[in-house]
Amino acid sequence: MAQSDHNLRSSYREMLLNHLFVGEVLRHFWRQGKYPDVLWPAVDDSGYDVVLDLGKITRHVQLKASHARSSTARVPVSTKLLDKPCGCVVWMVFDDDTLDFKQFRWFGGAPGKKPRLTKDDLKIAKHTRANAAGVKGDRQGVRVLPKAKFDQLDSVSELVGRLFGAKYER
């Protein structure tokens, strides 16, 4: 697919990648005979894209995506997510031709724990577009999370281990 298609159809691609992510997580659990609940918010204003619930662990997950050749060095994260008791960010790195996942980047706490950082630890994000005076204002409810704060994971199994604990990683 041409790179321009990724730009022109970015909303379509985002939804597709989100569904592929949930499908991969569910396939992993299916093989173990486990069946987590998946909840999708009706409105995108709570800081997360999907909720995964298994046993006593409920994960509010904000999903980010970039293709494997991307030079993206940081992602914007809603402060609402950082206030969730078990919020996390999963940054999906995908092949831009096939949309296959190449790796995942993980930011979050251990199962049942808050993320390692608070909103006070991170820089306030700026709007991408300037106002009439040419100033890019602050986005008070959004912080910038640098790539260095993420752990690199090479498989869905590793990711599931971070989400719900090592006993589910197999």
N, C-alpha and C. Protein backbone atom coordinates (compact mmCIF):
# COMPACT_ATOMS: atom_id res chain seq x y z
N MET A 1 0.85 -1.17 0.00
CA MET A 1 0.00 0.00 0.00
C MET A 1 0.90 1.23 0.00
N ALA A 2 0.52 2.22 -0.75
CA ALA A 2 1.30 3.45 -0.83
C ALA A 2 1.26 4.19 0.50
N GLN A 3 2.35 4.89 0.82
CA GLN A 3 2.41 5.63 2.08
C GLN A 3 1.28 6.64 2.18
N SER A 4 0.88 7.24 1.05
CA SER A 4 -0.20 8.22 1.09
C SER A 4 -1.51 7.59 1.56
N ASP A 5 -1.71 6.30 1.26
CA ASP A 5 -2.91 5.62 1.74
C ASP A 5 -2.92 5.55 3.26
N HIS A 6 -1.75 5.39 3.86
CA HIS A 6 -1.66 5.38 5.32
C HIS A 6 -2.11 6.73 5.88
N ASN A 7 -1.78 7.80 5.19
CA ASN A 7 -2.19 9.13 5.64
C ASN A 7 -3.66 9.39 5.35
N LEU A 8 -4.10 9.06 4.14
CA LEU A 8 -5.48 9.34 3.75
C LEU A 8 -6.49 8.49 4.51
N ARG A 9 -6.09 7.31 4.88
CA ARG A 9 -6.99 6.37 5.56
C ARG A 9 -6.51 6.08 6.98
N SER A 10 -5.96 7.07 7.65
CA SER A 10 -5.36 6.85 8.97
C SER A 10 -6.40 6.41 10.00
N SER A 11 -7.61 6.93 9.95
CA SER A 11 -8.64 6.51 10.91
C SER A 11 -9.03 5.06 10.68
N TYR A 12 -9.16 4.69 9.43
CA TYR A 12 -9.48 3.30 9.06
C TYR A 12 -8.37 2.38 9.56
N ARG A 13 -7.11 2.77 9.28
CA ARG A 13 -5.97 1.96 9.69
C ARG A 13 -5.90 1.83 11.21
N GLU A 14 -6.16 2.93 11.92
CA GLU A 14 -6.13 2.90 13.38
C GLU A 14 -7.15 1.90 13.93
N MET A 15 -8.36 1.95 13.42
CA MET A 15 -9.39 1.02 13.90
C MET A 15 -9.02 -0.42 13.55
N LEU A 16 -8.49 -0.64 12.37
CA LEU A 16 -8.07 -1.98 11.97
C LEU A 16 -6.98 -2.51 12.89
N LEU A 17 -5.96 -1.69 13.17
CA LEU A 17 -4.88 -2.12 14.06
C LEU A 17 -5.39 -2.39 15.48
N ASN A 18 -6.32 -1.58 15.96
CA ASN A 18 -6.89 -1.81 17.29
C ASN A 18 -7.59 -3.16 17.34
N HIS A 19 -8.36 -3.48 16.30
CA HIS A 19 -9.04 -4.77 16.27
C HIS A 19 -8.05 -5.93 16.13
N LEU A 20 -7.02 -5.75 15.32
CA LEU A 20 -6.01 -6.79 15.20
C LEU A 20 -5.30 -7.03 16.54
N PHE A 21 -5.03 -5.96 17.27
CA PHE A 21 -4.40 -6.08 18.58
C PHE A 21 -5.28 -6.92 19.52
N VAL A 22 -6.54 -6.53 19.63
CA VAL A 22 -7.45 -7.26 20.53
C VAL A 22 -7.57 -8.71 20.06
N GLY A 23 -7.65 -8.93 18.76
CA GLY A 23 -7.72 -10.29 18.23
C GLY A 23 -6.51 -11.12 18.62
N GLU A 24 -5.33 -10.55 18.54
CA GLU A 24 -4.10 -11.28 18.92
C GLU A 24 -4.10 -11.62 20.41
N VAL A 25 -4.52 -10.67 21.24
CA VAL A 25 -4.59 -10.93 22.69
C VAL A 25 -5.62 -12.03 22.97
N LEU A 26 -6.78 -11.95 22.34
CA LEU A 26 -7.81 -12.97 22.56
C LEU A 26 -7.36 -14.34 22.04
N ARG A 27 -6.66 -14.37 20.91
CA ARG A 27 -6.14 -15.64 20.39
C ARG A 27 -5.16 -16.26 21.38
N HIS A 28 -4.30 -15.43 21.97
CA HIS A 28 -3.35 -15.92 22.97
C HIS A 28 -4.09 -16.58 24.13
N PHE A 29 -5.12 -15.90 24.64
CA PHE A 29 -5.87 -16.45 25.77
C PHE A 29 -6.72 -17.66 25.37
N TRP A 30 -7.22 -17.67 24.16
CA TRP A 30 -8.03 -18.80 23.68
C TRP A 30 -7.24 -20.10 23.81
N ARG A 31 -5.96 -20.05 23.45
CA ARG A 31 -5.10 -21.23 23.53
C ARG A 31 -4.91 -21.72 24.96
N GLN A 32 -5.16 -20.84 25.94
CA GLN A 32 -5.04 -21.19 27.35
C GLN A 32 -6.39 -21.52 27.98
N GLY A 33 -7.46 -21.41 27.22
CA GLY A 33 -8.78 -21.64 27.78
C GLY A 33 -9.24 -20.52 28.69
N LYS A 34 -8.74 -19.32 28.45
CA LYS A 34 -9.11 -18.13 29.23
C LYS A 34 -9.86 -17.18 28.30
N TYR A 35 -10.81 -16.45 28.86
CA TYR A 35 -11.67 -15.61 28.03
C TYR A 35 -11.89 -14.24 28.68
N PRO A 36 -10.94 -13.32 28.46
CA PRO A 36 -11.08 -11.99 29.06
C PRO A 36 -12.24 -11.21 28.45
N ASP A 37 -12.78 -10.30 29.23
CA ASP A 37 -13.78 -9.37 28.71
C ASP A 37 -13.05 -8.26 27.98
N VAL A 38 -13.66 -7.80 26.89
CA VAL A 38 -13.14 -6.68 26.12
C VAL A 38 -14.23 -5.63 26.06
N LEU A 39 -13.89 -4.43 26.49
CA LEU A 39 -14.85 -3.33 26.49
C LEU A 39 -14.30 -2.19 25.66
N TRP A 40 -15.13 -1.67 24.75
CA TRP A 40 -14.75 -0.54 23.92
C TRP A 40 -15.56 0.66 24.37
N PRO A 41 -14.91 1.79 24.68
CA PRO A 41 -15.68 2.97 25.06
C PRO A 41 -16.48 3.51 23.87
N ALA A 42 -17.67 4.01 24.14
CA ALA A 42 -18.51 4.57 23.08
C ALA A 42 -17.99 5.94 22.65
N VAL A 43 -17.31 6.63 23.55
CA VAL A 43 -16.79 7.96 23.28
C VAL A 43 -15.30 7.96 23.62
N ASP A 44 -14.50 8.59 22.77
CA ASP A 44 -13.05 8.60 22.95
C ASP A 44 -12.62 9.83 23.73
N ASP A 45 -12.97 9.88 25.02
CA ASP A 45 -12.55 11.03 25.83
C ASP A 45 -12.13 10.64 27.24
N SER A 46 -11.93 9.36 27.46
CA SER A 46 -11.57 8.89 28.80
C SER A 46 -10.11 8.50 28.94
N GLY A 47 -9.33 8.65 27.87
CA GLY A 47 -7.90 8.38 27.95
C GLY A 47 -7.50 6.97 27.57
N TYR A 48 -8.45 6.13 27.20
CA TYR A 48 -8.11 4.76 26.81
C TYR A 48 -8.93 4.36 25.60
N ASP A 49 -8.41 3.34 24.89
CA ASP A 49 -9.06 2.86 23.67
C ASP A 49 -9.81 1.55 23.89
N VAL A 50 -9.37 0.77 24.85
CA VAL A 50 -9.99 -0.52 25.11
C VAL A 50 -9.73 -0.89 26.58
N VAL A 51 -10.66 -1.65 27.15
CA VAL A 51 -10.50 -2.17 28.50
C VAL A 51 -10.45 -3.69 28.38
N LEU A 52 -9.42 -4.28 28.97
CA LEU A 52 -9.27 -5.73 29.01
C LEU A 52 -9.39 -6.16 30.47
N ASP A 53 -10.26 -7.13 30.72
CA ASP A 53 -10.54 -7.55 32.09
C ASP A 53 -10.41 -9.06 32.18
N LEU A 54 -9.57 -9.51 33.10
CA LEU A 54 -9.38 -10.95 33.33
C LEU A 54 -9.14 -11.16 34.81
N GLY A 55 -10.00 -11.94 35.43
CA GLY A 55 -9.86 -12.21 36.86
C GLY A 55 -9.97 -10.92 37.66
N LYS A 56 -8.96 -10.66 38.47
CA LYS A 56 -8.97 -9.47 39.31
C LYS A 56 -8.25 -8.29 38.68
N ILE A 57 -7.79 -8.44 37.45
CA ILE A 57 -7.04 -7.38 36.77
C ILE A 57 -7.90 -6.75 35.67
N THR A 58 -8.02 -5.44 35.75
CA THR A 58 -8.69 -4.67 34.70
C THR A 58 -7.70 -3.66 34.17
N ARG A 59 -7.43 -3.72 32.88
CA ARG A 59 -6.46 -2.84 32.23
C ARG A 59 -7.18 -1.85 31.32
N HIS A 60 -6.97 -0.57 31.57
CA HIS A 60 -7.40 0.48 30.66
C HIS A 60 -6.20 0.74 29.75
N VAL A 61 -6.37 0.48 28.46
CA VAL A 61 -5.25 0.49 27.53
C VAL A 61 -5.41 1.61 26.51
N GLN A 62 -4.42 2.47 26.42
CA GLN A 62 -4.36 3.43 25.33
C GLN A 62 -3.45 2.82 24.28
N LEU A 63 -3.95 2.75 23.05
CA LEU A 63 -3.20 2.15 21.96
C LEU A 63 -2.58 3.23 21.09
N LYS A 64 -1.34 3.03 20.74
CA LYS A 64 -0.62 3.89 19.82
C LYS A 64 -0.04 2.99 18.73
N ALA A 65 0.21 3.54 17.56
CA ALA A 65 0.74 2.72 16.47
C ALA A 65 1.67 3.54 15.60
N SER A 66 2.71 2.87 15.11
CA SER A 66 3.57 3.46 14.10
C SER A 66 4.20 2.32 13.30
N HIS A 67 4.49 2.62 12.04
CA HIS A 67 5.08 1.57 11.21
C HIS A 67 6.55 1.37 11.58
N ALA A 68 7.08 0.23 11.23
CA ALA A 68 8.41 -0.18 11.68
C ALA A 68 9.52 0.77 11.24
N ARG A 69 9.33 1.49 10.14
CA ARG A 69 10.37 2.41 9.67
C ARG A 69 10.19 3.83 10.22
N SER A 70 9.19 4.03 11.05
CA SER A 70 8.90 5.36 11.58
C SER A 70 10.00 5.84 12.52
N SER A 71 10.22 7.14 12.52
CA SER A 71 11.21 7.72 13.43
C SER A 71 10.53 8.39 14.63
N THR A 72 9.27 8.07 14.86
CA THR A 72 8.54 8.65 15.98
C THR A 72 9.28 8.42 17.29
N ALA A 73 9.51 9.50 18.02
CA ALA A 73 10.30 9.42 19.24
C ALA A 73 9.47 9.57 20.51
N ARG A 74 8.19 9.93 20.35
CA ARG A 74 7.33 10.13 21.52
C ARG A 74 5.88 10.06 21.08
N VAL A 75 5.01 9.82 22.05
CA VAL A 75 3.58 9.77 21.77
C VAL A 75 2.83 10.60 22.81
N PRO A 76 1.71 11.19 22.42
CA PRO A 76 0.88 11.91 23.38
C PRO A 76 0.03 10.93 24.19
N VAL A 77 -0.08 11.18 25.48
CA VAL A 77 -0.84 10.31 26.36
C VAL A 77 -1.79 11.15 27.20
N SER A 78 -3.03 10.73 27.28
CA SER A 78 -4.02 11.44 28.09
C SER A 78 -3.70 11.31 29.57
N THR A 79 -3.81 12.41 30.30
CA THR A 79 -3.59 12.36 31.75
C THR A 79 -4.66 11.53 32.44
N LYS A 80 -5.82 11.40 31.83
CA LYS A 80 -6.89 10.58 32.42
C LYS A 80 -6.44 9.13 32.54
N LEU A 81 -5.67 8.65 31.57
CA LEU A 81 -5.16 7.28 31.61
C LEU A 81 -4.22 7.09 32.80
N LEU A 82 -3.39 8.08 33.06
CA LEU A 82 -2.41 7.97 34.15
C LEU A 82 -3.09 7.92 35.51
N ASP A 83 -4.35 8.35 35.58
CA ASP A 83 -5.09 8.31 36.84
C ASP A 83 -5.83 6.99 37.05
N LYS A 84 -5.90 6.16 36.02
CA LYS A 84 -6.56 4.86 36.15
C LYS A 84 -5.72 3.95 37.05
N PRO A 85 -6.35 3.10 37.83
CA PRO A 85 -5.60 2.26 38.77
C PRO A 85 -4.66 1.27 38.07
N CYS A 86 -4.92 0.96 36.83
CA CYS A 86 -4.10 -0.03 36.13
C CYS A 86 -3.94 0.36 34.66
N GLY A 87 -3.87 1.66 34.40
CA GLY A 87 -3.75 2.16 33.03
C GLY A 87 -2.40 1.81 32.43
N CYS A 88 -2.37 1.69 31.11
CA CYS A 88 -1.13 1.40 30.41
C CYS A 88 -1.21 1.88 28.97
N VAL A 89 -0.06 1.97 28.33
CA VAL A 89 0.02 2.33 26.92
C VAL A 89 0.70 1.19 26.18
N VAL A 90 0.08 0.75 25.11
CA VAL A 90 0.68 -0.25 24.23
C VAL A 90 0.91 0.44 22.89
N TRP A 91 2.17 0.51 22.49
CA TRP A 91 2.57 1.12 21.23
C TRP A 91 2.85 -0.02 20.27
N MET A 92 1.99 -0.18 19.28
CA MET A 92 2.10 -1.26 18.31
C MET A 92 3.00 -0.81 17.17
N VAL A 93 4.02 -1.60 16.88
CA VAL A 93 4.90 -1.32 15.76
C VAL A 93 4.58 -2.36 14.68
N PHE A 94 4.21 -1.87 13.50
CA PHE A 94 3.69 -2.77 12.46
C PHE A 94 4.41 -2.58 11.14
N ASP A 95 4.33 -3.61 10.31
CA ASP A 95 4.84 -3.55 8.95
C ASP A 95 3.85 -2.73 8.13
N ASP A 96 4.32 -1.70 7.44
CA ASP A 96 3.38 -0.82 6.75
C ASP A 96 2.77 -1.43 5.49
N ASP A 97 3.29 -2.55 5.00
CA ASP A 97 2.67 -3.23 3.86
C ASP A 97 1.63 -4.25 4.30
N THR A 98 1.99 -5.06 5.31
CA THR A 98 1.12 -6.18 5.71
C THR A 98 0.29 -5.90 6.95
N LEU A 99 0.65 -4.88 7.71
CA LEU A 99 0.06 -4.55 9.01
C LEU A 99 0.32 -5.61 10.07
N ASP A 100 1.26 -6.53 9.80
CA ASP A 100 1.68 -7.51 10.82
C ASP A 100 2.43 -6.77 11.92
N PHE A 101 2.21 -7.19 13.16
CA PHE A 101 2.92 -6.58 14.27
C PHE A 101 4.36 -7.07 14.28
N LYS A 102 5.29 -6.13 14.41
CA LYS A 102 6.72 -6.45 14.47
C LYS A 102 7.22 -6.49 15.90
N GLN A 103 6.67 -5.60 16.72
CA GLN A 103 7.00 -5.56 18.14
C GLN A 103 5.97 -4.69 18.83
N PHE A 104 6.07 -4.66 20.14
CA PHE A 104 5.21 -3.80 20.94
C PHE A 104 6.12 -3.01 21.88
N ARG A 105 5.67 -1.83 22.21
CA ARG A 105 6.34 -1.05 23.25
C ARG A 105 5.34 -0.92 24.39
N TRP A 106 5.84 -1.10 25.59
CA TRP A 106 4.98 -1.18 26.77
C TRP A 106 5.31 -0.09 27.77
N PHE A 107 4.26 0.58 28.25
CA PHE A 107 4.41 1.50 29.37
C PHE A 107 3.26 1.24 30.33
N GLY A 108 3.59 0.90 31.54
CA GLY A 108 2.57 0.67 32.55
C GLY A 108 3.18 0.03 33.78
N GLY A 109 2.35 -0.13 34.79
CA GLY A 109 2.80 -0.78 36.01
C GLY A 109 2.57 -2.27 35.95
N ALA A 110 2.98 -2.95 36.98
CA ALA A 110 2.71 -4.38 37.11
C ALA A 110 1.20 -4.59 37.20
N PRO A 111 0.72 -5.80 36.92
CA PRO A 111 -0.72 -6.04 37.02
C PRO A 111 -1.27 -5.58 38.38
N GLY A 112 -2.32 -4.78 38.32
CA GLY A 112 -2.93 -4.26 39.53
C GLY A 112 -2.29 -2.99 40.06
N LYS A 113 -1.28 -2.49 39.37
CA LYS A 113 -0.54 -1.30 39.85
C LYS A 113 -0.67 -0.14 38.86
N LYS A 114 -0.51 1.07 39.41
CA LYS A 114 -0.52 2.27 38.57
C LYS A 114 0.75 2.34 37.73
N PRO A 115 0.71 3.15 36.65
CA PRO A 115 1.94 3.35 35.86
C PRO A 115 3.06 3.92 36.72
N ARG A 116 4.29 3.75 36.25
CA ARG A 116 5.47 4.19 36.99
C ARG A 116 5.57 5.70 37.13
N LEU A 117 4.96 6.42 36.22
CA LEU A 117 5.07 7.88 36.21
C LEU A 117 3.72 8.52 36.47
N THR A 118 3.77 9.78 36.85
CA THR A 118 2.55 10.58 36.98
C THR A 118 2.61 11.69 35.95
N LYS A 119 1.50 12.40 35.80
CA LYS A 119 1.47 13.49 34.82
C LYS A 119 2.47 14.58 35.16
N ASP A 120 2.82 14.73 36.42
CA ASP A 120 3.80 15.74 36.82
C ASP A 120 5.22 15.40 36.36
N ASP A 121 5.45 14.12 36.03
CA ASP A 121 6.78 13.68 35.58
C ASP A 121 7.02 13.95 34.09
N LEU A 122 5.97 14.29 33.35
CA LEU A 122 6.06 14.39 31.89
C LEU A 122 5.76 15.80 31.39
N LYS A 123 6.33 16.13 30.25
CA LYS A 123 6.11 17.43 29.64
C LYS A 123 4.68 17.53 29.10
N ILE A 124 4.13 18.74 29.18
CA ILE A 124 2.80 19.00 28.61
C ILE A 124 2.92 19.02 27.09
N ALA A 125 2.00 18.34 26.42
CA ALA A 125 1.99 18.30 24.97
C ALA A 125 1.51 19.63 24.41
N LYS A 126 1.92 19.90 23.19
CA LYS A 126 1.49 21.10 22.46
C LYS A 126 0.48 20.70 21.39
N HIS A 127 -0.42 21.62 21.05
CA HIS A 127 -1.32 21.40 19.93
C HIS A 127 -0.49 21.28 18.65
N THR A 128 -0.96 20.50 17.71
CA THR A 128 -0.21 20.32 16.46
C THR A 128 -0.38 21.51 15.53
N ARG A 129 -1.46 22.25 15.70
CA ARG A 129 -1.70 23.42 14.85
C ARG A 129 -1.61 24.69 15.69
N ALA A 130 -1.07 25.71 15.06
CA ALA A 130 -0.94 26.99 15.73
C ALA A 130 -2.24 27.78 15.67
N ASN A 131 -2.41 28.70 16.61
CA ASN A 131 -3.58 29.60 16.59
C ASN A 131 -3.32 30.74 15.60
N ALA A 132 -4.20 31.70 15.55
CA ALA A 132 -4.08 32.81 14.60
C ALA A 132 -2.79 33.60 14.80
N ALA A 133 -2.27 33.60 16.01
CA ALA A 133 -1.03 34.32 16.30
C ALA A 133 0.21 33.47 16.02
N GLY A 134 0.02 32.25 15.54
CA GLY A 134 1.14 31.37 15.24
C GLY A 134 1.68 30.61 16.44
N VAL A 135 0.92 30.60 17.53
CA VAL A 135 1.37 29.95 18.76
C VAL A 135 0.70 28.59 18.90
N LYS A 136 1.50 27.58 19.18
CA LYS A 136 0.97 26.25 19.47
C LYS A 136 0.76 26.17 20.98
N GLY A 137 -0.49 26.18 21.38
CA GLY A 137 -0.83 26.19 22.80
C GLY A 137 -0.63 24.85 23.48
N ASP A 138 -0.64 24.88 24.79
CA ASP A 138 -0.52 23.67 25.60
C ASP A 138 -1.81 22.85 25.53
N ARG A 139 -1.65 21.55 25.58
CA ARG A 139 -2.78 20.62 25.71
C ARG A 139 -2.73 20.12 27.16
N GLN A 140 -3.44 20.80 28.03
CA GLN A 140 -3.33 20.54 29.48
C GLN A 140 -3.62 19.09 29.86
N GLY A 141 -4.51 18.44 29.16
CA GLY A 141 -4.88 17.07 29.51
C GLY A 141 -4.04 16.01 28.83
N VAL A 142 -2.93 16.43 28.19
CA VAL A 142 -2.11 15.49 27.43
C VAL A 142 -0.64 15.70 27.79
N ARG A 143 0.06 14.59 27.98
CA ARG A 143 1.49 14.64 28.26
C ARG A 143 2.24 13.91 27.15
N VAL A 144 3.52 14.22 27.01
CA VAL A 144 4.38 13.60 26.01
C VAL A 144 5.15 12.47 26.68
N LEU A 145 5.01 11.28 26.15
CA LEU A 145 5.69 10.11 26.69
C LEU A 145 6.78 9.67 25.70
N PRO A 146 8.06 9.86 26.06
CA PRO A 146 9.14 9.52 25.13
C PRO A 146 9.32 8.01 24.99
N LYS A 147 9.82 7.62 23.83
CA LYS A 147 10.07 6.21 23.52
C LYS A 147 10.95 5.55 24.58
N ALA A 148 11.88 6.29 25.16
CA ALA A 148 12.79 5.74 26.17
C ALA A 148 12.07 5.25 27.41
N LYS A 149 10.85 5.71 27.66
CA LYS A 149 10.08 5.28 28.84
C LYS A 149 9.36 3.95 28.60
N PHE A 150 9.40 3.45 27.38
CA PHE A 150 8.72 2.20 27.02
C PHE A 150 9.70 1.04 27.07
N ASP A 151 9.19 -0.14 27.43
CA ASP A 151 9.96 -1.37 27.30
C ASP A 151 9.61 -1.99 25.96
N GLN A 152 10.61 -2.52 25.26
CA GLN A 152 10.37 -3.18 23.99
C GLN A 152 10.02 -4.65 24.23
N LEU A 153 8.93 -5.10 23.62
CA LEU A 153 8.48 -6.48 23.73
C LEU A 153 8.38 -7.05 22.32
N ASP A 154 8.82 -8.28 22.14
CA ASP A 154 8.89 -8.85 20.80
C ASP A 154 7.76 -9.81 20.46
N SER A 155 6.82 -10.01 21.39
CA SER A 155 5.74 -10.96 21.09
C SER A 155 4.48 -10.59 21.87
N VAL A 156 3.37 -11.12 21.39
CA VAL A 156 2.10 -10.96 22.09
C VAL A 156 2.19 -11.64 23.45
N SER A 157 2.89 -12.77 23.52
CA SER A 157 3.04 -13.47 24.80
C SER A 157 3.70 -12.59 25.85
N GLU A 158 4.77 -11.91 25.47
CA GLU A 158 5.43 -10.99 26.41
C GLU A 158 4.48 -9.88 26.83
N LEU A 159 3.73 -9.38 25.88
CA LEU A 159 2.79 -8.30 26.16
C LEU A 159 1.71 -8.76 27.14
N VAL A 160 1.16 -9.93 26.93
CA VAL A 160 0.15 -10.47 27.83
C VAL A 160 0.73 -10.64 29.24
N GLY A 161 2.00 -11.04 29.31
CA GLY A 161 2.66 -11.15 30.60
C GLY A 161 2.71 -9.82 31.33
N ARG A 162 2.94 -8.74 30.61
CA ARG A 162 2.97 -7.41 31.22
C ARG A 162 1.56 -6.96 31.61
N LEU A 163 0.59 -7.30 30.78
CA LEU A 163 -0.78 -6.90 31.07
C LEU A 163 -1.35 -7.62 32.28
N PHE A 164 -1.16 -8.95 32.34
CA PHE A 164 -1.87 -9.76 33.34
C PHE A 164 -0.99 -10.62 34.22
N GLY A 165 0.31 -10.65 33.99
CA GLY A 165 1.20 -11.43 34.83
C GLY A 165 1.85 -12.58 34.07
N ALA A 166 3.01 -12.98 34.55
CA ALA A 166 3.83 -13.99 33.88
C ALA A 166 3.11 -15.33 33.72
N LYS A 167 2.18 -15.65 34.61
CA LYS A 167 1.52 -16.95 34.50
C LYS A 167 0.69 -17.09 33.22
N TYR A 168 0.36 -15.95 32.58
CA TYR A 168 -0.40 -15.99 31.34
C TYR A 168 0.48 -15.86 30.09
N GLU A 169 1.78 -15.72 30.30
CA GLU A 169 2.69 -15.45 29.19
C GLU A 169 2.92 -16.65 28.30
N ARG A 170 2.81 -17.81 28.79
CA ARG A 170 3.16 -19.03 28.03
C ARG A 170 2.45 -19.18 26.72
